[in-house]
């Protein structure tokens, strides 16, 4: 097993494709704001200073920079078996 920590920046207007995570992740919004939703849940807005949890094996239907002018910067960590992806796109 290994823990991977990612610092990711999304430019204004950037969104992740529909995907899922094979394991739960834990994250933190460093700068900006994000929109996120899993499954059929309504999107929530996350702001700088807030933490979040990526659900395992549930469609991550929305994850996007919620600001059209400023970048989104976030940290996210996953513990997985070595060589295992942390995100899978159908």
N, C-alpha and C. Protein backbone atom coordinates (compact mmCIF):
# COMPACT_ATOMS: atom_id res chain seq x y z
N UNK A 1 0.84 -1.17 0.00
CA UNK A 1 0.00 0.00 0.00
C UNK A 1 0.89 1.24 0.00
N UNK A 2 0.35 2.33 -0.57
CA UNK A 2 1.04 3.60 -0.55
C UNK A 2 0.02 4.73 -0.48
N UNK A 3 0.41 5.82 0.14
CA UNK A 3 -0.44 7.00 0.18
C UNK A 3 0.13 8.01 -0.80
N UNK A 4 -0.75 8.50 -1.66
CA UNK A 4 -0.36 9.51 -2.65
C UNK A 4 -1.10 10.80 -2.32
N UNK A 5 -0.36 11.90 -2.32
CA UNK A 5 -0.94 13.21 -2.07
C UNK A 5 -0.70 14.07 -3.31
N UNK A 6 -1.77 14.63 -3.83
CA UNK A 6 -1.70 15.43 -5.05
C UNK A 6 -2.07 16.88 -4.75
N UNK A 7 -1.33 17.81 -5.31
CA UNK A 7 -1.70 19.22 -5.31
C UNK A 7 -2.09 19.53 -6.76
N UNK A 8 -3.36 19.86 -6.96
CA UNK A 8 -3.91 20.00 -8.31
C UNK A 8 -4.45 21.41 -8.49
N UNK A 9 -4.20 21.97 -9.66
CA UNK A 9 -4.74 23.29 -10.01
C UNK A 9 -5.63 23.13 -11.24
N UNK A 10 -6.85 23.64 -11.13
CA UNK A 10 -7.78 23.70 -12.26
C UNK A 10 -7.87 25.16 -12.70
N UNK A 11 -7.63 25.41 -13.96
CA UNK A 11 -7.81 26.75 -14.51
C UNK A 11 -9.30 27.11 -14.46
N UNK A 12 -9.63 28.39 -14.57
CA UNK A 12 -11.04 28.78 -14.62
C UNK A 12 -11.79 27.99 -15.69
N UNK A 13 -12.97 27.51 -15.32
CA UNK A 13 -13.79 26.76 -16.26
C UNK A 13 -13.44 25.30 -16.42
N UNK A 14 -12.38 24.81 -15.77
CA UNK A 14 -11.97 23.42 -15.92
C UNK A 14 -12.87 22.49 -15.11
N UNK A 15 -13.18 21.33 -15.69
CA UNK A 15 -13.98 20.32 -15.00
C UNK A 15 -13.37 18.94 -15.26
N UNK A 16 -13.45 18.08 -14.28
CA UNK A 16 -13.01 16.70 -14.46
C UNK A 16 -14.07 15.94 -15.25
N UNK A 17 -13.67 14.91 -16.01
CA UNK A 17 -14.67 14.09 -16.70
C UNK A 17 -15.41 13.22 -15.68
N UNK A 18 -16.53 12.66 -16.10
CA UNK A 18 -17.23 11.68 -15.28
C UNK A 18 -16.23 10.59 -14.90
N UNK A 19 -16.16 10.24 -13.62
CA UNK A 19 -15.19 9.25 -13.17
C UNK A 19 -15.63 8.67 -11.84
N UNK A 20 -14.87 7.72 -11.33
CA UNK A 20 -15.05 7.25 -9.96
C UNK A 20 -13.68 6.97 -9.36
N UNK A 21 -13.65 6.84 -8.05
CA UNK A 21 -12.43 6.55 -7.32
C UNK A 21 -12.55 5.15 -6.73
N UNK A 22 -11.54 4.29 -6.90
CA UNK A 22 -11.63 2.94 -6.35
C UNK A 22 -11.52 2.90 -4.83
N UNK A 23 -11.01 3.97 -4.23
CA UNK A 23 -10.89 4.08 -2.77
C UNK A 23 -11.34 5.47 -2.35
N UNK A 24 -11.65 5.61 -1.06
CA UNK A 24 -12.02 6.92 -0.54
C UNK A 24 -10.81 7.84 -0.52
N UNK A 25 -11.04 9.10 -0.80
CA UNK A 25 -9.99 10.11 -0.75
C UNK A 25 -10.37 11.21 0.22
N UNK A 26 -9.38 11.92 0.68
CA UNK A 26 -9.62 13.04 1.58
C UNK A 26 -8.96 14.26 0.97
N UNK A 27 -9.67 15.39 0.94
CA UNK A 27 -9.14 16.56 0.26
C UNK A 27 -9.34 17.85 1.02
N UNK A 28 -8.74 18.91 0.49
CA UNK A 28 -8.78 20.23 1.11
C UNK A 28 -8.67 21.29 0.01
N UNK A 29 -9.56 22.26 0.03
CA UNK A 29 -9.53 23.35 -0.95
C UNK A 29 -8.53 24.40 -0.46
N UNK A 30 -7.46 24.60 -1.22
CA UNK A 30 -6.40 25.55 -0.85
C UNK A 30 -6.76 26.96 -1.31
N UNK A 31 -7.21 27.08 -2.56
CA UNK A 31 -7.59 28.39 -3.13
C UNK A 31 -8.79 28.19 -4.04
N UNK A 32 -9.65 29.20 -4.08
CA UNK A 32 -10.77 29.18 -5.02
C UNK A 32 -11.97 28.45 -4.46
N UNK A 33 -12.81 27.99 -5.38
CA UNK A 33 -14.01 27.24 -4.99
C UNK A 33 -14.30 26.17 -6.03
N UNK A 34 -14.87 25.07 -5.56
CA UNK A 34 -15.16 23.92 -6.42
C UNK A 34 -16.63 23.54 -6.30
N UNK A 35 -17.14 22.93 -7.36
CA UNK A 35 -18.47 22.30 -7.33
C UNK A 35 -18.24 20.81 -7.42
N UNK A 36 -18.94 20.05 -6.57
CA UNK A 36 -18.74 18.60 -6.54
C UNK A 36 -20.06 17.90 -6.27
N UNK A 37 -20.24 16.73 -6.93
CA UNK A 37 -21.42 15.90 -6.69
C UNK A 37 -21.08 14.45 -6.99
N UNK A 38 -21.70 13.56 -6.23
CA UNK A 38 -21.56 12.12 -6.43
C UNK A 38 -22.92 11.51 -6.70
N UNK A 39 -22.97 10.54 -7.61
CA UNK A 39 -24.21 9.85 -7.91
C UNK A 39 -25.30 10.82 -8.32
N UNK A 40 -26.46 10.70 -7.68
CA UNK A 40 -27.60 11.57 -8.01
C UNK A 40 -27.71 12.76 -7.06
N UNK A 41 -26.72 12.95 -6.19
CA UNK A 41 -26.75 14.09 -5.26
C UNK A 41 -26.62 15.40 -6.02
N UNK A 42 -27.22 16.45 -5.47
CA UNK A 42 -27.07 17.80 -6.04
C UNK A 42 -25.65 18.30 -5.78
N UNK A 43 -25.10 19.08 -6.69
CA UNK A 43 -23.75 19.62 -6.46
C UNK A 43 -23.70 20.53 -5.23
N UNK A 44 -22.56 20.47 -4.55
CA UNK A 44 -22.28 21.38 -3.44
C UNK A 44 -21.10 22.25 -3.84
N UNK A 45 -21.03 23.43 -3.26
CA UNK A 45 -19.90 24.32 -3.50
C UNK A 45 -18.98 24.27 -2.30
N UNK A 46 -17.70 24.07 -2.58
CA UNK A 46 -16.66 23.99 -1.56
C UNK A 46 -15.77 25.22 -1.70
N UNK A 47 -15.42 25.82 -0.58
CA UNK A 47 -14.64 27.06 -0.58
C UNK A 47 -13.27 26.83 0.05
N UNK A 48 -12.33 27.74 -0.23
CA UNK A 48 -10.99 27.67 0.35
C UNK A 48 -11.11 27.50 1.87
N UNK A 49 -10.32 26.55 2.39
CA UNK A 49 -10.33 26.26 3.81
C UNK A 49 -11.23 25.09 4.19
N UNK A 50 -12.03 24.60 3.25
CA UNK A 50 -12.92 23.48 3.53
C UNK A 50 -12.29 22.16 3.10
N UNK A 51 -12.58 21.12 3.85
CA UNK A 51 -12.17 19.77 3.49
C UNK A 51 -13.30 19.07 2.75
N UNK A 52 -12.96 17.96 2.10
CA UNK A 52 -13.98 17.16 1.41
C UNK A 52 -13.55 15.70 1.38
N UNK A 53 -14.49 14.83 1.06
CA UNK A 53 -14.23 13.40 0.98
C UNK A 53 -14.66 12.91 -0.40
N UNK A 54 -13.77 12.21 -1.09
CA UNK A 54 -14.13 11.54 -2.34
C UNK A 54 -14.67 10.17 -1.99
N UNK A 55 -15.88 9.89 -2.44
CA UNK A 55 -16.50 8.60 -2.15
C UNK A 55 -15.89 7.51 -3.03
N UNK A 56 -15.79 6.33 -2.48
CA UNK A 56 -15.26 5.18 -3.23
C UNK A 56 -16.37 4.52 -4.05
N UNK A 57 -16.03 4.14 -5.27
CA UNK A 57 -16.89 3.36 -6.15
C UNK A 57 -18.28 3.97 -6.38
N UNK A 58 -18.32 5.29 -6.40
CA UNK A 58 -19.56 6.03 -6.69
C UNK A 58 -19.23 7.02 -7.79
N UNK A 59 -20.11 7.13 -8.77
CA UNK A 59 -19.86 8.06 -9.87
C UNK A 59 -19.64 9.47 -9.34
N UNK A 60 -18.50 10.05 -9.68
CA UNK A 60 -18.22 11.45 -9.34
C UNK A 60 -18.69 12.24 -10.56
N UNK A 61 -19.95 12.66 -10.49
CA UNK A 61 -20.62 13.24 -11.65
C UNK A 61 -20.22 14.68 -11.92
N UNK A 62 -19.80 15.41 -10.87
CA UNK A 62 -19.36 16.80 -11.03
C UNK A 62 -18.14 17.04 -10.15
N UNK A 63 -17.08 17.55 -10.73
CA UNK A 63 -16.00 18.17 -9.98
C UNK A 63 -15.41 19.21 -10.90
N UNK A 64 -15.61 20.48 -10.52
CA UNK A 64 -15.24 21.58 -11.42
C UNK A 64 -14.83 22.81 -10.64
N UNK A 65 -14.03 23.64 -11.30
CA UNK A 65 -13.72 24.96 -10.78
C UNK A 65 -15.01 25.77 -10.89
N UNK A 66 -15.48 26.29 -9.76
CA UNK A 66 -16.75 27.03 -9.74
C UNK A 66 -16.57 28.52 -10.00
N UNK A 67 -15.35 28.94 -10.31
CA UNK A 67 -15.08 30.35 -10.57
C UNK A 67 -14.62 30.52 -12.02
N UNK A 68 -15.28 31.40 -12.74
CA UNK A 68 -14.95 31.61 -14.16
C UNK A 68 -13.71 32.48 -14.36
N UNK A 69 -13.17 33.08 -13.28
CA UNK A 69 -12.03 33.98 -13.43
C UNK A 69 -10.78 33.59 -12.65
N UNK A 70 -10.92 32.77 -11.61
CA UNK A 70 -9.78 32.44 -10.75
C UNK A 70 -9.52 30.94 -10.74
N UNK A 71 -8.26 30.53 -10.56
CA UNK A 71 -7.95 29.10 -10.50
C UNK A 71 -8.45 28.46 -9.21
N UNK A 72 -8.62 27.17 -9.26
CA UNK A 72 -8.95 26.34 -8.11
C UNK A 72 -7.71 25.52 -7.79
N UNK A 73 -7.28 25.53 -6.54
CA UNK A 73 -6.14 24.72 -6.12
C UNK A 73 -6.59 23.87 -4.95
N UNK A 74 -6.36 22.54 -5.05
CA UNK A 74 -6.79 21.65 -3.98
C UNK A 74 -5.78 20.53 -3.77
N UNK A 75 -5.77 20.01 -2.54
CA UNK A 75 -4.98 18.84 -2.17
C UNK A 75 -5.94 17.67 -2.05
N UNK A 76 -5.48 16.48 -2.45
CA UNK A 76 -6.28 15.28 -2.24
C UNK A 76 -5.32 14.11 -2.03
N UNK A 77 -5.69 13.22 -1.11
CA UNK A 77 -4.84 12.08 -0.75
C UNK A 77 -5.64 10.78 -0.84
N UNK A 78 -4.98 9.75 -1.31
CA UNK A 78 -5.57 8.41 -1.43
C UNK A 78 -4.54 7.39 -0.95
N UNK A 79 -5.02 6.34 -0.28
CA UNK A 79 -4.16 5.21 0.06
C UNK A 79 -4.62 4.02 -0.77
N UNK A 80 -3.73 3.52 -1.63
CA UNK A 80 -4.06 2.46 -2.58
C UNK A 80 -2.92 1.44 -2.65
N UNK A 81 -3.21 0.32 -3.26
CA UNK A 81 -2.14 -0.64 -3.55
C UNK A 81 -1.21 -0.02 -4.58
N UNK A 82 0.07 -0.28 -4.48
CA UNK A 82 1.04 0.25 -5.43
C UNK A 82 0.61 -0.10 -6.85
N UNK A 83 0.68 0.88 -7.74
CA UNK A 83 0.33 0.67 -9.14
C UNK A 83 -1.16 0.81 -9.46
N UNK A 84 -1.99 0.99 -8.46
CA UNK A 84 -3.43 1.11 -8.66
C UNK A 84 -3.80 2.56 -8.97
N UNK A 85 -4.67 2.82 -9.94
CA UNK A 85 -5.07 4.21 -10.21
C UNK A 85 -5.95 4.74 -9.09
N UNK A 86 -5.99 6.07 -8.94
CA UNK A 86 -6.85 6.68 -7.94
C UNK A 86 -8.12 7.25 -8.57
N UNK A 87 -8.17 7.24 -9.90
CA UNK A 87 -9.32 7.73 -10.63
C UNK A 87 -9.51 6.88 -11.88
N UNK A 88 -10.74 6.46 -12.13
CA UNK A 88 -11.04 5.67 -13.33
C UNK A 88 -12.14 6.35 -14.11
N UNK A 89 -11.90 6.53 -15.42
CA UNK A 89 -12.87 7.16 -16.32
C UNK A 89 -13.53 6.05 -17.13
N UNK A 90 -14.88 6.02 -17.13
CA UNK A 90 -15.55 4.93 -17.88
C UNK A 90 -15.33 5.02 -19.38
